[in-house]
Amino acid sequence: MQITSARTAALFLATAVALGGCATRESVRNAQASADMADRHAGTAQARADEAYGVGNQALGVGNQALGVGNDAKMAAMTADQKAEANHAEMMKLKRRVVYLESRINPHHKKHHRVVRHKVQKKTADQQAKSNNS
């Protein structure tokens, strides 16, 4: 009986494979057309991805150039700032020198001429009497 059940199981399996695995020519053509269309879409997608990669590289190059220009501008600004600070220090030194020289030429205080005032002596009563008697 075991042999019969094994034969029956094999027969059912063979029948299922035969009926389930059969494909018509039209279904094979449809499957091939779908595969070809998917291949074309994949090719188009790959081309667009390659194009996007190229655009990304160009954008990266432009960004790097902009970074270089920015760094150059920063260095120029720092140099100009250092020169401005040096010029300011020199200008302050020159201003102090001008003030000193002006003070030497035009002193702020004027020399006062000494005014001599003669004191008039008041005659005392005795001196007046003597001068009157004489």
C-alpha atoms as a PDB file:
ATOM      1  CA  MET A   1       0.000   0.000   0.000  1.00  0.00           C
ATOM      2  CA  GLN A   2       2.886   2.277   0.546  1.00  0.00           C
ATOM      3  CA  ILE A   3       3.960   1.843  -3.000  1.00  0.00           C
ATOM      4  CA  THR A   4       0.541   2.779  -4.281  1.00  0.00           C
ATOM      5  CA  SER A   5       0.343   5.931  -2.207  1.00  0.00           C
ATOM      6  CA  ALA A   6       3.840   6.954  -3.373  1.00  0.00           C
ATOM      7  CA  ARG A   7       2.791   6.382  -7.012  1.00  0.00           C
ATOM      8  CA  THR A   8      -0.372   8.368  -6.481  1.00  0.00           C
ATOM      9  CA  ALA A   9       1.499  11.255  -4.914  1.00  0.00           C
ATOM     10  CA  ALA A  10       3.991  11.302  -7.812  1.00  0.00           C
ATOM     11  CA  LEU A  11       1.153  11.208 -10.325  1.00  0.00           C
ATOM     12  CA  PHE A  12      -0.586  14.178  -8.648  1.00  0.00           C
ATOM     13  CA  LEU A  13       2.656  16.092  -8.531  1.00  0.00           C
ATOM     14  CA  ALA A  14       3.386  15.470 -12.218  1.00  0.00           C
ATOM     15  CA  THR A  15      -0.126  16.544 -13.176  1.00  0.00           C
ATOM     16  CA  ALA A  16       0.112  19.757 -11.132  1.00  0.00           C
ATOM     17  CA  VAL A  17       3.459  20.632 -12.658  1.00  0.00           C
ATOM     18  CA  ALA A  18       2.230  19.924 -16.146  1.00  0.00           C
ATOM     19  CA  LEU A  19      -0.910  21.987 -15.805  1.00  0.00           C
ATOM     20  CA  GLY A  20       0.566  24.822 -13.712  1.00  0.00           C
ATOM     21  CA  GLY A  21       3.823  25.215 -15.619  1.00  0.00           C
ATOM     22  CA  CYS A  22       2.357  25.418 -19.056  1.00  0.00           C
ATOM     23  CA  ALA A  23       2.651  28.841 -20.635  1.00  0.00           C
ATOM     24  CA  THR A  24       1.208  29.979 -23.878  1.00  0.00           C
ATOM     25  CA  ARG A  25       3.338  31.629 -26.490  1.00  0.00           C
ATOM     26  CA  GLU A  26       1.434  34.855 -26.054  1.00  0.00           C
ATOM     27  CA  SER A  27       2.170  35.011 -22.318  1.00  0.00           C
ATOM     28  CA  VAL A  28       5.853  34.421 -23.068  1.00  0.00           C
ATOM     29  CA  ARG A  29       5.798  37.295 -25.612  1.00  0.00           C
ATOM     30  CA  ASN A  30       4.071  39.556 -23.073  1.00  0.00           C
ATOM     31  CA  ALA A  31       6.655  38.661 -20.452  1.00  0.00           C
ATOM     32  CA  GLN A  32       9.493  39.335 -22.927  1.00  0.00           C
ATOM     33  CA  ALA A  33       7.952  42.720 -23.912  1.00  0.00           C
ATOM     34  CA  SER A  34       7.609  43.681 -20.253  1.00  0.00           C
ATOM     35  CA  ALA A  35      11.222  42.713 -19.620  1.00  0.00           C
ATOM     36  CA  ASP A  36      12.395  44.733 -22.653  1.00  0.00           C
ATOM     37  CA  MET A  37      10.381  47.774 -21.495  1.00  0.00           C
ATOM     38  CA  ALA A  38      11.816  47.477 -17.995  1.00  0.00           C
ATOM     39  CA  ASP A  39      15.314  47.302 -19.502  1.00  0.00           C
ATOM     40  CA  ARG A  40      14.691  50.492 -21.505  1.00  0.00           C
ATOM     41  CA  HIS A  41      13.364  52.280 -18.423  1.00  0.00           C
ATOM     42  CA  ALA A  42      16.410  51.148 -16.466  1.00  0.00           C
ATOM     43  CA  GLY A  43      18.688  52.474 -19.245  1.00  0.00           C
ATOM     44  CA  THR A  44      16.875  55.827 -19.237  1.00  0.00           C
ATOM     45  CA  ALA A  45      17.081  56.006 -15.452  1.00  0.00           C
ATOM     46  CA  GLN A  46      20.810  55.220 -15.583  1.00  0.00           C
ATOM     47  CA  ALA A  47      21.362  57.966 -18.173  1.00  0.00           C
ATOM     48  CA  ARG A  48      19.494  60.482 -16.020  1.00  0.00           C
ATOM     49  CA  ALA A  49      21.428  59.414 -12.947  1.00  0.00           C
ATOM     50  CA  ASP A  50      24.705  59.877 -14.846  1.00  0.00           C
ATOM     51  CA  GLU A  51      23.553  63.319 -15.986  1.00  0.00           C
ATOM     52  CA  ALA A  52      22.602  64.280 -12.433  1.00  0.00           C
ATOM     53  CA  TYR A  53      25.990  63.078 -11.207  1.00  0.00           C
ATOM     54  CA  GLY A  54      27.690  65.299 -13.804  1.00  0.00           C
ATOM     55  CA  VAL A  55      25.577  68.307 -12.799  1.00  0.00           C
ATOM     56  CA  GLY A  56      26.417  67.614  -9.156  1.00  0.00           C
ATOM     57  CA  ASN A  57      30.124  67.575  -9.963  1.00  0.00           C
ATOM     58  CA  GLN A  58      29.794  70.867 -11.831  1.00  0.00           C
ATOM     59  CA  ALA A  59      27.976  72.393  -8.871  1.00  0.00           C
ATOM     60  CA  LEU A  60      30.713  71.148  -6.570  1.00  0.00           C
ATOM     61  CA  GLY A  61      33.329  72.773  -8.810  1.00  0.00           C
ATOM     62  CA  VAL A  62      31.454  76.084  -8.805  1.00  0.00           C
ATOM     63  CA  GLY A  63      31.095  75.870  -5.020  1.00  0.00           C
ATOM     64  CA  ASN A  64      34.817  75.263  -4.615  1.00  0.00           C
ATOM     65  CA  GLN A  65      35.589  78.250  -6.848  1.00  0.00           C
ATOM     66  CA  ALA A  66      33.243  80.428  -4.795  1.00  0.00           C
ATOM     67  CA  LEU A  67      34.943  79.224  -1.621  1.00  0.00           C
ATOM     68  CA  GLY A  68      38.331  80.175  -3.081  1.00  0.00           C
ATOM     69  CA  VAL A  69      37.085  83.635  -4.049  1.00  0.00           C
ATOM     70  CA  GLY A  70      35.597  84.073  -0.579  1.00  0.00           C
ATOM     71  CA  ASN A  71      38.860  83.068   1.076  1.00  0.00           C
ATOM     72  CA  ASP A  72      40.790  85.487  -1.140  1.00  0.00           C
ATOM     73  CA  ALA A  73      38.374  88.288  -0.246  1.00  0.00           C
ATOM     74  CA  LYS A  74      38.711  87.467   3.445  1.00  0.00           C
ATOM     75  CA  MET A  75      42.508  87.618   3.230  1.00  0.00           C
ATOM     76  CA  ALA A  76      42.339  90.932   1.355  1.00  0.00           C
ATOM     77  CA  ALA A  77      39.984  92.348   3.983  1.00  0.00           C
ATOM     78  CA  MET A  78      42.264  91.225   6.810  1.00  0.00           C
ATOM     79  CA  THR A  79      45.273  92.808   5.093  1.00  0.00           C
ATOM     80  CA  ALA A  80      43.349  96.040   4.547  1.00  0.00           C
ATOM     81  CA  ASP A  81      42.272  96.042   8.188  1.00  0.00           C
ATOM     82  CA  GLN A  82      45.876  95.645   9.350  1.00  0.00           C
ATOM     83  CA  LYS A  83      46.972  98.487   7.077  1.00  0.00           C
ATOM     84  CA  ALA A  84      44.121 100.671   8.359  1.00  0.00           C
ATOM     85  CA  GLU A  85      45.153 100.031  11.964  1.00  0.00           C
ATOM     86  CA  ALA A  86      48.768 100.873  11.152  1.00  0.00           C
ATOM     87  CA  ASN A  87      47.683 104.053   9.336  1.00  0.00           C
ATOM     88  CA  HIS A  88      45.486 105.049  12.272  1.00  0.00           C
ATOM     89  CA  ALA A  89      48.369 104.618  14.707  1.00  0.00           C
ATOM     90  CA  GLU A  90      50.639 106.675  12.438  1.00  0.00           C
ATOM     91  CA  MET A  91      47.978 109.366  12.096  1.00  0.00           C
ATOM     92  CA  MET A  92      47.570 109.617  15.870  1.00  0.00           C
ATOM     93  CA  LYS A  93      51.342 109.943  16.241  1.00  0.00           C
ATOM     94  CA  LEU A  94      51.402 112.723  13.644  1.00  0.00           C
ATOM     95  CA  LYS A  95      48.517 114.534  15.338  1.00  0.00           C
ATOM     96  CA  ARG A  96      50.395 114.513  18.634  1.00  0.00           C
ATOM     97  CA  ARG A  97      53.471 115.860  16.845  1.00  0.00           C
ATOM     98  CA  VAL A  98      51.448 118.669  15.210  1.00  0.00           C
ATOM     99  CA  VAL A  99      49.934 119.650  18.556  1.00  0.00           C
ATOM    100  CA  TYR A 100      53.413 119.766  20.079  1.00  0.00           C
ATOM    101  CA  LEU A 101      54.805 121.895  17.253  1.00  0.00           C
ATOM    102  CA  GLU A 102      51.838 124.251  17.392  1.00  0.00           C
ATOM    103  CA  SER A 103      52.333 124.700  21.102  1.00  0.00           C
ATOM    104  CA  ARG A 104      55.953 125.604  20.467  1.00  0.00           C
ATOM    105  CA  ILE A 105      55.035 128.206  17.851  1.00  0.00           C
ATOM    106  CA  ASN A 106      51.944 129.680  19.475  1.00  0.00           C
ATOM    107  CA  PRO A 107      52.150 129.194  23.192  1.00  0.00           C
ATOM    108  CA  HIS A 108      48.836 129.327  24.961  1.00  0.00           C
ATOM    109  CA  HIS A 109      50.022 131.624  27.707  1.00  0.00           C
ATOM    110  CA  LYS A 110      51.096 135.151  26.902  1.00  0.00           C
ATOM    111  CA  LYS A 111      53.843 136.860  28.760  1.00  0.00           C
ATOM    112  CA  HIS A 112      52.514 139.761  30.670  1.00  0.00           C
ATOM    113  CA  HIS A 113      54.541 142.918  30.635  1.00  0.00           C
ATOM    114  CA  ARG A 114      55.282 144.109  34.056  1.00  0.00           C
ATOM    115  CA  VAL A 115      53.542 147.303  34.793  1.00  0.00           C
ATOM    116  CA  VAL A 116      55.434 149.465  37.223  1.00  0.00           C
ATOM    117  CA  ARG A 117      53.210 151.536  39.370  1.00  0.00           C
ATOM    118  CA  HIS A 118      54.677 154.149  41.537  1.00  0.00           C
ATOM    119  CA  LYS A 119      53.126 154.385  44.879  1.00  0.00           C
ATOM    120  CA  VAL A 120      52.213 157.826  45.895  1.00  0.00           C
ATOM    121  CA  GLN A 121      53.204 158.277  49.437  1.00  0.00           C
ATOM    122  CA  LYS A 122      50.647 159.825  51.558  1.00  0.00           C
ATOM    123  CA  LYS A 123      51.992 162.562  53.541  1.00  0.00           C
ATOM    124  CA  THR A 124      51.494 162.235  57.143  1.00  0.00           C
ATOM    125  CA  ALA A 125      50.208 165.146  59.178  1.00  0.00           C
ATOM    126  CA  ASP A 126      53.682 165.960  60.428  1.00  0.00           C
ATOM    127  CA  GLN A 127      55.103 166.132  56.952  1.00  0.00           C
ATOM    128  CA  GLN A 128      52.304 168.359  55.789  1.00  0.00           C
ATOM    129  CA  ALA A 129      52.831 170.726  58.677  1.00  0.00           C
ATOM    130  CA  LYS A 130      56.508 170.970  57.931  1.00  0.00           C
ATOM    131  CA  SER A 131      55.961 171.688  54.321  1.00  0.00           C
ATOM    132  CA  ASN A 132      53.377 174.295  55.107  1.00  0.00           C
ATOM    133  CA  ASN A 133      55.619 176.046  57.647  1.00  0.00           C
ATOM    134  CA  SER A 134      58.490 176.230  55.467  1.00  0.00           C
END
